[in-house]
C-alpha cells in the first residue's frame, strides 16, 4: 500500500514585529518639517539676524565681524550698530512698560542718545523714588525697575557705565559721610542689583560717584532731580559724529601738509625760475654793456700804438 504524502500548510498572518524601517521614514519627515519651519522663520526674521545666521554657517569659527558674544544663552545678543541707539532706547522703554511700577515712575525715567552712548537716567523725587532719602538702599519700586532694566541690558554686548549724582544739600553730622560717599554708594548698589539680574560682571567697566559736581539743574542746586542714577550704554565703536569729526580733522591735516609741501615746491620752482631769468638777464645786460666799452677801448689802443721800426740790414 502506497504511503500518502504529508503536506504542511503554513498560515500567514499580519501579526508580529514589522522591523524599524518606519522609524527611518518618520525621522526623515520630522527633519524635513524642522527645516521647513526654520526657513519660514528666517524669511520673516530681521535682516541683521539673517546676516548673522548666514555668517555663522559660512564660517562657524567666527573670525569675521559678525561673531558671537560672551552672552551665550542670553537671548538675541547681536551687536547693534551705533546708529541704532535710538531704536535700542525705544526698545528698552517698551520693556520697562512691562514692569507694573513703571506707570508711576515713567516721568522719572529719561532715555537720551549722547556722544557717550545711550544715557538712561533715573531721576529722584522729593520723597525718594528709587532710593531711600539720604541712604543708598533702593526702594521696592526702584528695585523692580532696576531689575527689569538689567534683564534687558544683560542681552547686549555693550559695556556699561554707572554714575551716581546728588544735590547740593549737605549732610548734617560730623562730616564723615558726605554726598561723595552717598553718590558712589548708590551707584554701587545699582551695580550689585543689576549684576544679580542679568548684567555680566565684565560688562560694567566703571562705577562713578560725582556728588553735586554735575548738577542737572545748576540754577536750582537743591532740586530733587539733581539726585539721580545714570546708566550709560557705551557704543561698540566711535559714534558717527566723532568719526566724522576725526575724519574731517585728519583730512584737514593731510590737506595742510600736502598743500604746504606742494606750495613750498612750487614756490621754490618759481623762485628758481625767476632767479634764473633775472640772473640771465643781468649777465646778458652786463655782457652787452661791457662789450662796447671793451671795443671802444681797444680801438684807441690800436690807433695809439706805433709800429715798431724794422731793423735795417747790417752791412758787412
C-alpha atoms as a PDB file:
ATOM      1  CA  UNK A   1       0.000   0.000   0.000  1.00  0.00           C
ATOM      2  CA  UNK A   2       1.451   3.328  -1.107  1.00  0.00           C
ATOM      3  CA  UNK A   3       2.204   5.974   1.550  1.00  0.00           C
ATOM      4  CA  UNK A   4       0.358   9.216   1.444  1.00  0.00           C
ATOM      5  CA  UNK A   5       2.474  12.350   1.077  1.00  0.00           C
ATOM      6  CA  UNK A   6       2.457  14.661   4.101  1.00  0.00           C
ATOM      7  CA  UNK A   7       1.570  18.244   3.190  1.00  0.00           C
ATOM      8  CA  UNK A   8       2.289  21.005   5.737  1.00  0.00           C
ATOM      9  CA  UNK A   9       0.435  24.270   5.301  1.00  0.00           C
ATOM     10  CA  UNK A  10       1.768  27.447   6.939  1.00  0.00           C
ATOM     11  CA  UNK A  11      -0.760  30.071   7.849  1.00  0.00           C
ATOM     12  CA  UNK A  12       0.356  33.609   7.063  1.00  0.00           C
ATOM     13  CA  UNK A  13      -0.854  36.424   9.322  1.00  0.00           C
ATOM     14  CA  UNK A  14      -0.311  40.179   9.882  1.00  0.00           C
ATOM     15  CA  UNK A  15       0.816  39.886  13.442  1.00  0.00           C
ATOM     16  CA  UNK A  16       4.334  40.150  14.782  1.00  0.00           C
ATOM     17  CA  UNK A  17       7.069  42.727  14.546  1.00  0.00           C
ATOM     18  CA  UNK A  18       7.469  44.672  11.274  1.00  0.00           C
ATOM     19  CA  UNK A  19      11.010  45.960  11.833  1.00  0.00           C
ATOM     20  CA  UNK A  20      12.293  49.587  12.200  1.00  0.00           C
ATOM     21  CA  UNK A  21      12.075  50.821   8.625  1.00  0.00           C
ATOM     22  CA  UNK A  22       9.140  53.103   9.505  1.00  0.00           C
ATOM     23  CA  UNK A  23      11.278  54.907  12.107  1.00  0.00           C
ATOM     24  CA  UNK A  24      13.745  55.978   9.457  1.00  0.00           C
ATOM     25  CA  UNK A  25      10.978  57.348   7.267  1.00  0.00           C
ATOM     26  CA  UNK A  26       9.401  59.157  10.211  1.00  0.00           C
ATOM     27  CA  UNK A  27      12.750  60.693  11.221  1.00  0.00           C
ATOM     28  CA  UNK A  28      13.246  61.967   7.669  1.00  0.00           C
ATOM     29  CA  UNK A  29       9.771  63.505   7.736  1.00  0.00           C
ATOM     30  CA  UNK A  30      10.367  65.284  11.056  1.00  0.00           C
ATOM     31  CA  UNK A  31      13.744  66.584   9.841  1.00  0.00           C
ATOM     32  CA  UNK A  32      12.158  67.953   6.681  1.00  0.00           C
ATOM     33  CA  UNK A  33       9.430  69.681   8.695  1.00  0.00           C
ATOM     34  CA  UNK A  34      12.002  71.219  11.022  1.00  0.00           C
ATOM     35  CA  UNK A  35      13.992  72.535   8.035  1.00  0.00           C
ATOM     36  CA  UNK A  36      10.794  73.963   6.559  1.00  0.00           C
ATOM     37  CA  UNK A  37       9.916  75.887   9.728  1.00  0.00           C
ATOM     38  CA  UNK A  38      13.498  77.202  10.082  1.00  0.00           C
ATOM     39  CA  UNK A  39      13.363  78.533   6.520  1.00  0.00           C
ATOM     40  CA  UNK A  40       9.962  80.134   7.162  1.00  0.00           C
ATOM     41  CA  UNK A  41      11.324  81.777  10.338  1.00  0.00           C
ATOM     42  CA  UNK A  42      14.416  83.107   8.572  1.00  0.00           C
ATOM     43  CA  UNK A  43      12.318  84.549   5.761  1.00  0.00           C
ATOM     44  CA  UNK A  44      10.438  86.724   8.268  1.00  0.00           C
ATOM     45  CA  UNK A  45      13.405  87.453  10.552  1.00  0.00           C
ATOM     46  CA  UNK A  46      15.212  90.760  10.895  1.00  0.00           C
ATOM     47  CA  UNK A  47      17.905  91.354   8.203  1.00  0.00           C
ATOM     48  CA  UNK A  48      20.574  91.585  10.908  1.00  0.00           C
ATOM     49  CA  UNK A  49      19.542  88.163  12.225  1.00  0.00           C
ATOM     50  CA  UNK A  50      19.658  86.719   8.723  1.00  0.00           C
ATOM     51  CA  UNK A  51      23.130  88.164   8.157  1.00  0.00           C
ATOM     52  CA  UNK A  52      24.384  86.826  11.484  1.00  0.00           C
ATOM     53  CA  UNK A  53      22.996  83.320  10.837  1.00  0.00           C
ATOM     54  CA  UNK A  54      24.480  83.331   7.333  1.00  0.00           C
ATOM     55  CA  UNK A  55      27.880  84.407   8.654  1.00  0.00           C
ATOM     56  CA  UNK A  56      27.822  81.637  11.267  1.00  0.00           C
ATOM     57  CA  UNK A  57      27.052  78.868   8.793  1.00  0.00           C
ATOM     58  CA  UNK A  58      29.626  80.188   6.320  1.00  0.00           C
ATOM     59  CA  UNK A  59      32.332  80.171   8.986  1.00  0.00           C
ATOM     60  CA  UNK A  60      31.340  78.719  12.392  1.00  0.00           C
ATOM     61  CA  UNK A  61      34.672  79.687  13.969  1.00  0.00           C
ATOM     62  CA  UNK A  62      33.547  83.285  13.710  1.00  0.00           C
ATOM     63  CA  UNK A  63      36.698  85.229  12.819  1.00  0.00           C
ATOM     64  CA  UNK A  64      34.646  87.778  10.919  1.00  0.00           C
ATOM     65  CA  UNK A  65      32.789  90.848  12.102  1.00  0.00           C
ATOM     66  CA  UNK A  66      29.550  89.024  12.938  1.00  0.00           C
ATOM     67  CA  UNK A  67      30.835  86.658  15.570  1.00  0.00           C
ATOM     68  CA  UNK A  68      29.147  85.537  18.760  1.00  0.00           C
ATOM     69  CA  UNK A  69      29.491  87.261  22.103  1.00  0.00           C
ATOM     70  CA  UNK A  70      30.166  86.130  25.640  1.00  0.00           C
ATOM     71  CA  UNK A  71      26.461  86.439  26.403  1.00  0.00           C
ATOM     72  CA  UNK A  72      25.719  82.833  25.496  1.00  0.00           C
ATOM     73  CA  UNK A  73      22.152  81.794  26.116  1.00  0.00           C
ATOM     74  CA  UNK A  74      21.003  85.320  26.965  1.00  0.00           C
ATOM     75  CA  UNK A  75      18.718  85.817  24.006  1.00  0.00           C
ATOM     76  CA  UNK A  76      19.369  87.643  20.751  1.00  0.00           C
ATOM     77  CA  UNK A  77      22.740  89.226  21.599  1.00  0.00           C
ATOM     78  CA  UNK A  78      23.520  90.544  18.126  1.00  0.00           C
ATOM     79  CA  UNK A  79      25.690  93.648  18.123  1.00  0.00           C
ATOM     80  CA  UNK A  80      23.670  96.771  17.483  1.00  0.00           C
ATOM     81  CA  UNK A  81      25.204  99.366  15.172  1.00  0.00           C
ATOM     82  CA  UNK A  82      25.816 102.757  16.700  1.00  0.00           C
ATOM     83  CA  UNK A  83      23.145 104.394  14.531  1.00  0.00           C
ATOM     84  CA  UNK A  84      20.537 102.110  16.134  1.00  0.00           C
ATOM     85  CA  UNK A  85      20.970 103.529  19.642  1.00  0.00           C
ATOM     86  CA  UNK A  86      17.704 105.429  19.343  1.00  0.00           C
ATOM     87  CA  UNK A  87      15.896 102.197  18.434  1.00  0.00           C
ATOM     88  CA  UNK A  88      17.545 100.483  21.391  1.00  0.00           C
ATOM     89  CA  UNK A  89      16.316 103.252  23.684  1.00  0.00           C
ATOM     90  CA  UNK A  90      12.759 102.802  22.472  1.00  0.00           C
ATOM     91  CA  UNK A  91      13.059  99.031  22.881  1.00  0.00           C
ATOM     92  CA  UNK A  92      14.210  99.456  26.493  1.00  0.00           C
ATOM     93  CA  UNK A  93      11.358 101.872  27.187  1.00  0.00           C
ATOM     94  CA  UNK A  94       8.850  99.348  25.861  1.00  0.00           C
ATOM     95  CA  UNK A  95      10.461  96.632  28.003  1.00  0.00           C
ATOM     96  CA  UNK A  96      10.181  98.812  31.111  1.00  0.00           C
ATOM     97  CA  UNK A  97       6.480  99.255  30.423  1.00  0.00           C
ATOM     98  CA  UNK A  98       6.039  95.607  31.363  1.00  0.00           C
ATOM     99  CA  UNK A  99       7.089  96.450  34.931  1.00  0.00           C
ATOM    100  CA  UNK A 100       3.962  97.255  36.982  1.00  0.00           C
ATOM    101  CA  UNK A 101       5.688 100.114  38.806  1.00  0.00           C
ATOM    102  CA  UNK A 102       6.776 101.863  35.594  1.00  0.00           C
ATOM    103  CA  UNK A 103       3.414 103.617  35.230  1.00  0.00           C
ATOM    104  CA  UNK A 104       4.158 105.548  38.396  1.00  0.00           C
ATOM    105  CA  UNK A 105       7.848 106.054  37.541  1.00  0.00           C
ATOM    106  CA  UNK A 106       7.772 106.809  33.810  1.00  0.00           C
ATOM    107  CA  UNK A 107       8.042 110.591  34.371  1.00  0.00           C
ATOM    108  CA  UNK A 108      11.239 109.971  36.347  1.00  0.00           C
ATOM    109  CA  UNK A 109      12.971 107.875  33.673  1.00  0.00           C
ATOM    110  CA  UNK A 110      14.706 109.699  30.834  1.00  0.00           C
ATOM    111  CA  UNK A 111      16.410 107.955  27.900  1.00  0.00           C
ATOM    112  CA  UNK A 112      18.543 110.003  25.502  1.00  0.00           C
ATOM    113  CA  UNK A 113      21.268 109.352  22.910  1.00  0.00           C
ATOM    114  CA  UNK A 114      24.502 111.264  23.588  1.00  0.00           C
ATOM    115  CA  UNK A 115      28.082 111.238  22.319  1.00  0.00           C
ATOM    116  CA  UNK A 116      28.945 108.791  25.140  1.00  0.00           C
ATOM    117  CA  UNK A 117      26.191 106.327  24.226  1.00  0.00           C
ATOM    118  CA  UNK A 118      22.635 105.650  25.333  1.00  0.00           C
ATOM    119  CA  UNK A 119      22.054 107.519  28.607  1.00  0.00           C
ATOM    120  CA  UNK A 120      19.352 106.163  30.943  1.00  0.00           C
ATOM    121  CA  UNK A 121      18.692 108.446  33.918  1.00  0.00           C
ATOM    122  CA  UNK A 122      16.603 107.525  36.959  1.00  0.00           C
ATOM    123  CA  UNK A 123      15.561 110.859  38.456  1.00  0.00           C
ATOM    124  CA  UNK A 124      14.683 111.065  42.133  1.00  0.00           C
ATOM    125  CA  UNK A 125      11.697 112.838  43.687  1.00  0.00           C
ATOM    126  CA  UNK A 126      11.359 114.683  46.969  1.00  0.00           C
ATOM    127  CA  UNK A 127      10.100 111.584  48.766  1.00  0.00           C
ATOM    128  CA  UNK A 128      12.692 109.207  47.285  1.00  0.00           C
ATOM    129  CA  UNK A 129      11.537 107.431  44.144  1.00  0.00           C
ATOM    130  CA  UNK A 130      14.354 104.924  43.555  1.00  0.00           C
ATOM    131  CA  UNK A 131      16.420 105.165  46.775  1.00  0.00           C
ATOM    132  CA  UNK A 132      15.506 105.931  50.317  1.00  0.00           C
ATOM    133  CA  UNK A 133      16.173 109.538  51.248  1.00  0.00           C
ATOM    134  CA  UNK A 134      19.774 110.033  52.345  1.00  0.00           C
ATOM    135  CA  UNK A 135      20.578 106.298  52.062  1.00  0.00           C
ATOM    136  CA  UNK A 136      22.000 104.005  49.351  1.00  0.00           C
ATOM    137  CA  UNK A 137      19.167 101.486  49.821  1.00  0.00           C
ATOM    138  CA  UNK A 138      16.826 101.001  46.815  1.00  0.00           C
ATOM    139  CA  UNK A 139      13.081 101.325  47.339  1.00  0.00           C
ATOM    140  CA  UNK A 140      10.780  98.447  46.260  1.00  0.00           C
ATOM    141  CA  UNK A 141       9.790 100.392  43.141  1.00  0.00           C
ATOM    142  CA  UNK A 142      13.417 101.205  42.359  1.00  0.00           C
ATOM    143  CA  UNK A 143      14.405  97.568  42.841  1.00  0.00           C
ATOM    144  CA  UNK A 144      11.704  96.354  40.430  1.00  0.00           C
ATOM    145  CA  UNK A 145      12.631  98.907  37.762  1.00  0.00           C
ATOM    146  CA  UNK A 146      16.400  98.381  38.005  1.00  0.00           C
ATOM    147  CA  UNK A 147      15.849  94.610  37.861  1.00  0.00           C
ATOM    148  CA  UNK A 148      13.785  94.899  34.670  1.00  0.00           C
ATOM    149  CA  UNK A 149      16.378  97.227  33.175  1.00  0.00           C
ATOM    150  CA  UNK A 150      19.182  94.777  33.999  1.00  0.00           C
ATOM    151  CA  UNK A 151      17.352  91.936  32.251  1.00  0.00           C
ATOM    152  CA  UNK A 152      17.334  93.931  29.009  1.00  0.00           C
ATOM    153  CA  UNK A 153      20.864  95.342  29.245  1.00  0.00           C
ATOM    154  CA  UNK A 154      22.296  91.903  30.002  1.00  0.00           C
ATOM    155  CA  UNK A 155      21.349  90.785  26.480  1.00  0.00           C
ATOM    156  CA  UNK A 156      23.621  93.395  24.890  1.00  0.00           C
ATOM    157  CA  UNK A 157      27.360  93.101  24.181  1.00  0.00           C
ATOM    158  CA  UNK A 158      27.862  96.795  25.022  1.00  0.00           C
ATOM    159  CA  UNK A 159      29.776  97.920  28.100  1.00  0.00           C
ATOM    160  CA  UNK A 160      28.015  99.889  30.841  1.00  0.00           C
ATOM    161  CA  UNK A 161      28.936 102.898  32.975  1.00  0.00           C
ATOM    162  CA  UNK A 162      27.096 103.641  36.203  1.00  0.00           C
ATOM    163  CA  UNK A 163      27.058 107.127  37.726  1.00  0.00           C
ATOM    164  CA  UNK A 164      25.664 108.456  40.980  1.00  0.00           C
ATOM    165  CA  UNK A 165      24.683 112.115  41.452  1.00  0.00           C
ATOM    166  CA  UNK A 166      23.309 114.115  44.385  1.00  0.00           C
ATOM    167  CA  UNK A 167      22.043 117.638  45.005  1.00  0.00           C
ATOM    168  CA  UNK A 168      23.987 120.341  46.844  1.00  0.00           C
ATOM    169  CA  UNK A 169      22.190 119.872  50.143  1.00  0.00           C
ATOM    170  CA  UNK A 170      24.931 118.973  52.680  1.00  0.00           C
ATOM    171  CA  UNK A 171      24.705 116.148  55.207  1.00  0.00           C
ATOM    172  CA  UNK A 172      24.297 117.053  58.840  1.00  0.00           C
ATOM    173  CA  UNK A 173      26.725 115.424  61.248  1.00  0.00           C
ATOM    174  CA  UNK A 174      30.445 115.177  61.804  1.00  0.00           C
ATOM    175  CA  UNK A 175      31.194 115.139  58.064  1.00  0.00           C
ATOM    176  CA  UNK A 176      32.360 111.526  57.925  1.00  0.00           C
ATOM    177  CA  UNK A 177      29.633 110.743  55.351  1.00  0.00           C
ATOM    178  CA  UNK A 178      29.009 113.239  52.564  1.00  0.00           C
ATOM    179  CA  UNK A 179      27.451 113.489  49.124  1.00  0.00           C
ATOM    180  CA  UNK A 180      30.578 111.901  47.666  1.00  0.00           C
ATOM    181  CA  UNK A 181      30.038 108.687  49.621  1.00  0.00           C
ATOM    182  CA  UNK A 182      26.284 108.722  49.001  1.00  0.00           C
ATOM    183  CA  UNK A 183      26.598 109.123  45.208  1.00  0.00           C
ATOM    184  CA  UNK A 184      29.240 106.381  44.956  1.00  0.00           C
ATOM    185  CA  UNK A 185      27.316 104.018  47.269  1.00  0.00           C
ATOM    186  CA  UNK A 186      24.078 104.424  45.316  1.00  0.00           C
ATOM    187  CA  UNK A 187      25.827 103.725  42.008  1.00  0.00           C
ATOM    188  CA  UNK A 188      27.482 100.670  43.528  1.00  0.00           C
ATOM    189  CA  UNK A 189      24.155  99.433  44.952  1.00  0.00           C
ATOM    190  CA  UNK A 190      22.635  99.720  41.477  1.00  0.00           C
ATOM    191  CA  UNK A 191      25.589  97.741  40.075  1.00  0.00           C
ATOM    192  CA  UNK A 192      25.109  94.905  42.569  1.00  0.00           C
ATOM    193  CA  UNK A 193      21.386  94.745  41.866  1.00  0.00           C
ATOM    194  CA  UNK A 194      21.892  94.736  38.089  1.00  0.00           C
ATOM    195  CA  UNK A 195      24.591  92.069  38.190  1.00  0.00           C
ATOM    196  CA  UNK A 196      22.255  89.885  40.249  1.00  0.00           C
ATOM    197  CA  UNK A 197      19.612  90.081  37.494  1.00  0.00           C
ATOM    198  CA  UNK A 198      21.299  89.582  34.140  1.00  0.00           C
ATOM    199  CA  UNK A 199      24.168  92.063  33.734  1.00  0.00           C
ATOM    200  CA  UNK A 200      27.505  90.271  33.391  1.00  0.00           C
ATOM    201  CA  UNK A 201      30.312  91.270  35.797  1.00  0.00           C
ATOM    202  CA  UNK A 202      32.697  92.154  32.963  1.00  0.00           C
ATOM    203  CA  UNK A 203      30.011  94.272  31.296  1.00  0.00           C
ATOM    204  CA  UNK A 204      30.303  97.041  33.924  1.00  0.00           C
ATOM    205  CA  UNK A 205      33.536  98.922  33.239  1.00  0.00           C
ATOM    206  CA  UNK A 206      33.178 101.891  35.616  1.00  0.00           C
ATOM    207  CA  UNK A 207      31.187 102.983  38.659  1.00  0.00           C
ATOM    208  CA  UNK A 208      31.424 106.715  39.348  1.00  0.00           C
ATOM    209  CA  UNK A 209      30.264 108.986  42.136  1.00  0.00           C
ATOM    210  CA  UNK A 210      30.045 112.694  41.244  1.00  0.00           C
ATOM    211  CA  UNK A 211      28.290 114.109  44.348  1.00  0.00           C
ATOM    212  CA  UNK A 212      26.951 117.552  43.301  1.00  0.00           C
ATOM    213  CA  UNK A 213      29.648 118.310  40.686  1.00  0.00           C
ATOM    214  CA  UNK A 214      27.407 117.642  37.671  1.00  0.00           C
ATOM    215  CA  UNK A 215      24.050 119.146  38.574  1.00  0.00           C
ATOM    216  CA  UNK A 216      21.164 118.552  36.235  1.00  0.00           C
ATOM    217  CA  UNK A 217      19.767 121.972  37.143  1.00  0.00           C
ATOM    218  CA  UNK A 218      22.659 124.291  38.050  1.00  0.00           C
ATOM    219  CA  UNK A 219      20.220 127.157  38.623  1.00  0.00           C
ATOM    220  CA  UNK A 220      18.444 125.085  41.294  1.00  0.00           C
ATOM    221  CA  UNK A 221      21.191 123.091  43.074  1.00  0.00           C
ATOM    222  CA  UNK A 222      18.826 121.626  45.716  1.00  0.00           C
ATOM    223  CA  UNK A 223      16.296 120.315  43.179  1.00  0.00           C
ATOM    224  CA  UNK A 224      15.319 116.678  43.742  1.00  0.00           C
ATOM    225  CA  UNK A 225      16.013 115.768  40.084  1.00  0.00           C
ATOM    226  CA  UNK A 226      19.705 116.510  40.669  1.00  0.00           C
ATOM    227  CA  UNK A 227      19.705 113.270  42.678  1.00  0.00           C
ATOM    228  CA  UNK A 228      19.836 110.544  40.084  1.00  0.00           C
ATOM    229  CA  UNK A 229      21.416 107.308  38.908  1.00  0.00           C
ATOM    230  CA  UNK A 230      22.728 107.261  35.331  1.00  0.00           C
ATOM    231  CA  UNK A 231      23.360 104.117  33.280  1.00  0.00           C
ATOM    232  CA  UNK A 232      25.321 104.700  30.062  1.00  0.00           C
ATOM    233  CA  UNK A 233      25.262 102.017  27.349  1.00  0.00           C
ATOM    234  CA  UNK A 234      28.512 102.652  25.511  1.00  0.00           C
ATOM    235  CA  UNK A 235      28.968 102.478  21.763  1.00  0.00           C
ATOM    236  CA  UNK A 236      30.677  99.403  20.374  1.00  0.00           C
ATOM    237  CA  UNK A 237      32.768 101.858  18.308  1.00  0.00           C
ATOM    238  CA  UNK A 238      33.085 105.627  17.973  1.00  0.00           C
ATOM    239  CA  UNK A 239      29.758 107.445  17.406  1.00  0.00           C
ATOM    240  CA  UNK A 240      29.038 108.857  13.924  1.00  0.00           C
ATOM    241  CA  UNK A 241      29.653 112.470  14.977  1.00  0.00           C
ATOM    242  CA  UNK A 242      33.038 111.642  16.475  1.00  0.00           C
ATOM    243  CA  UNK A 243      34.023 109.561  13.444  1.00  0.00           C
ATOM    244  CA  UNK A 244      33.043 112.390  11.088  1.00  0.00           C
ATOM    245  CA  UNK A 245      34.906 114.941  13.196  1.00  0.00           C
ATOM    246  CA  UNK A 246      38.018 112.756  13.366  1.00  0.00           C
ATOM    247  CA  UNK A 247      37.851 112.081   9.652  1.00  0.00           C
ATOM    248  CA  UNK A 248      37.468 115.791   8.866  1.00  0.00           C
ATOM    249  CA  UNK A 249      40.359 116.648  11.164  1.00  0.00           C
ATOM    250  CA  UNK A 250      42.604 114.031   9.544  1.00  0.00           C
ATOM    251  CA  UNK A 251      41.662 115.246   6.062  1.00  0.00           C
ATOM    252  CA  UNK A 252      42.357 118.843   7.065  1.00  0.00           C
ATOM    253  CA  UNK A 253      45.769 117.902   8.448  1.00  0.00           C
ATOM    254  CA  UNK A 254      46.610 115.864   5.351  1.00  0.00           C
ATOM    255  CA  UNK A 255      45.482 118.710   3.099  1.00  0.00           C
ATOM    256  CA  UNK A 256      47.534 121.203   5.089  1.00  0.00           C
ATOM    257  CA  UNK A 257      50.634 119.006   4.913  1.00  0.00           C
ATOM    258  CA  UNK A 258      50.215 118.285   1.217  1.00  0.00           C
ATOM    259  CA  UNK A 259      49.402 121.915   0.499  1.00  0.00           C
ATOM    260  CA  UNK A 260      52.478 123.090   2.410  1.00  0.00           C
ATOM    261  CA  UNK A 261      54.774 120.678   0.624  1.00  0.00           C
ATOM    262  CA  UNK A 262      53.323 121.439  -2.790  1.00  0.00           C
ATOM    263  CA  UNK A 263      53.313 125.167  -2.075  1.00  0.00           C
ATOM    264  CA  UNK A 264      56.944 125.044  -0.975  1.00  0.00           C
ATOM    265  CA  UNK A 265      57.919 123.097  -4.058  1.00  0.00           C
ATOM    266  CA  UNK A 266      56.031 125.446  -6.351  1.00  0.00           C
ATOM    267  CA  UNK A 267      57.423 128.497  -4.608  1.00  0.00           C
ATOM    268  CA  UNK A 268      60.978 127.172  -4.863  1.00  0.00           C
ATOM    269  CA  UNK A 269      60.447 126.301  -8.517  1.00  0.00           C
ATOM    270  CA  UNK A 270      59.044 129.731  -9.269  1.00  0.00           C
ATOM    271  CA  UNK A 271      61.778 131.414  -7.270  1.00  0.00           C
ATOM    272  CA  UNK A 272      64.397 129.355  -9.089  1.00  0.00           C
ATOM    273  CA  UNK A 273      62.893 130.155 -12.468  1.00  0.00           C
ATOM    274  CA  UNK A 274      62.586 133.847 -11.680  1.00  0.00           C
ATOM    275  CA  UNK A 275      66.069 133.924 -10.165  1.00  0.00           C
ATOM    276  CA  UNK A 276      67.499 132.173 -13.203  1.00  0.00           C
ATOM    277  CA  UNK A 277      65.707 134.517 -15.566  1.00  0.00           C
ATOM    278  CA  UNK A 278      66.867 137.569 -13.658  1.00  0.00           C
ATOM    279  CA  UNK A 279      70.415 136.230 -13.424  1.00  0.00           C
ATOM    280  CA  UNK A 280      70.438 135.514 -17.155  1.00  0.00           C
ATOM    281  CA  UNK A 281      69.048 138.970 -17.901  1.00  0.00           C
ATOM    282  CA  UNK A 282      71.629 140.599 -15.670  1.00  0.00           C
ATOM    283  CA  UNK A 283      74.501 138.610 -17.194  1.00  0.00           C
ATOM    284  CA  UNK A 284      73.311 139.426 -20.711  1.00  0.00           C
ATOM    285  CA  UNK A 285      72.916 143.120 -19.935  1.00  0.00           C
ATOM    286  CA  UNK A 286      76.301 143.274 -18.235  1.00  0.00           C
ATOM    287  CA  UNK A 287      77.938 141.477 -21.142  1.00  0.00           C
ATOM    288  CA  UNK A 288      76.257 143.842 -23.579  1.00  0.00           C
ATOM    289  CA  UNK A 289      77.421 146.854 -21.576  1.00  0.00           C
ATOM    290  CA  UNK A 290      80.953 145.583 -21.248  1.00  0.00           C
ATOM    291  CA  UNK A 291      81.279 144.567 -24.909  1.00  0.00           C
ATOM    292  CA  UNK A 292      81.046 148.103 -26.414  1.00  0.00           C
ATOM    293  CA  UNK A 293      83.273 149.510 -23.677  1.00  0.00           C
ATOM    294  CA  UNK A 294      85.946 146.978 -24.483  1.00  0.00           C
ATOM    295  CA  UNK A 295      85.565 147.594 -28.221  1.00  0.00           C
ATOM    296  CA  UNK A 296      85.899 151.331 -27.802  1.00  0.00           C
ATOM    297  CA  UNK A 297      88.877 150.928 -25.523  1.00  0.00           C
ATOM    298  CA  UNK A 298      90.506 148.535 -27.936  1.00  0.00           C
ATOM    299  CA  UNK A 299      90.250 150.913 -30.896  1.00  0.00           C
ATOM    300  CA  UNK A 300      92.226 153.806 -29.368  1.00  0.00           C
ATOM    301  CA  UNK A 301      94.789 151.360 -28.089  1.00  0.00           C
ATOM    302  CA  UNK A 302      95.308 150.113 -31.602  1.00  0.00           C
ATOM    303  CA  UNK A 303      95.472 153.664 -33.026  1.00  0.00           C
ATOM    304  CA  UNK A 304      97.931 154.958 -30.465  1.00  0.00           C
ATOM    305  CA  UNK A 305     100.187 152.028 -30.815  1.00  0.00           C
ATOM    306  CA  UNK A 306     103.166 152.888 -33.058  1.00  0.00           C
ATOM    307  CA  UNK A 307     104.594 150.258 -35.329  1.00  0.00           C
ATOM    308  CA  UNK A 308     107.996 149.090 -34.313  1.00  0.00           C
ATOM    309  CA  UNK A 309     110.762 150.071 -36.778  1.00  0.00           C
ATOM    310  CA  UNK A 310     112.146 147.244 -38.811  1.00  0.00           C
ATOM    311  CA  UNK A 311     115.810 146.618 -38.151  1.00  0.00           C
ATOM    312  CA  UNK A 312     117.992 147.779 -41.030  1.00  0.00           C
ATOM    313  CA  UNK A 313     120.153 145.158 -42.632  1.00  0.00           C
ATOM    314  CA  UNK A 314     123.692 145.429 -41.378  1.00  0.00           C
ATOM    315  CA  UNK A 315     126.435 145.840 -43.844  1.00  0.00           C
ATOM    316  CA  UNK A 316     129.262 143.530 -43.789  1.00  0.00           C
END
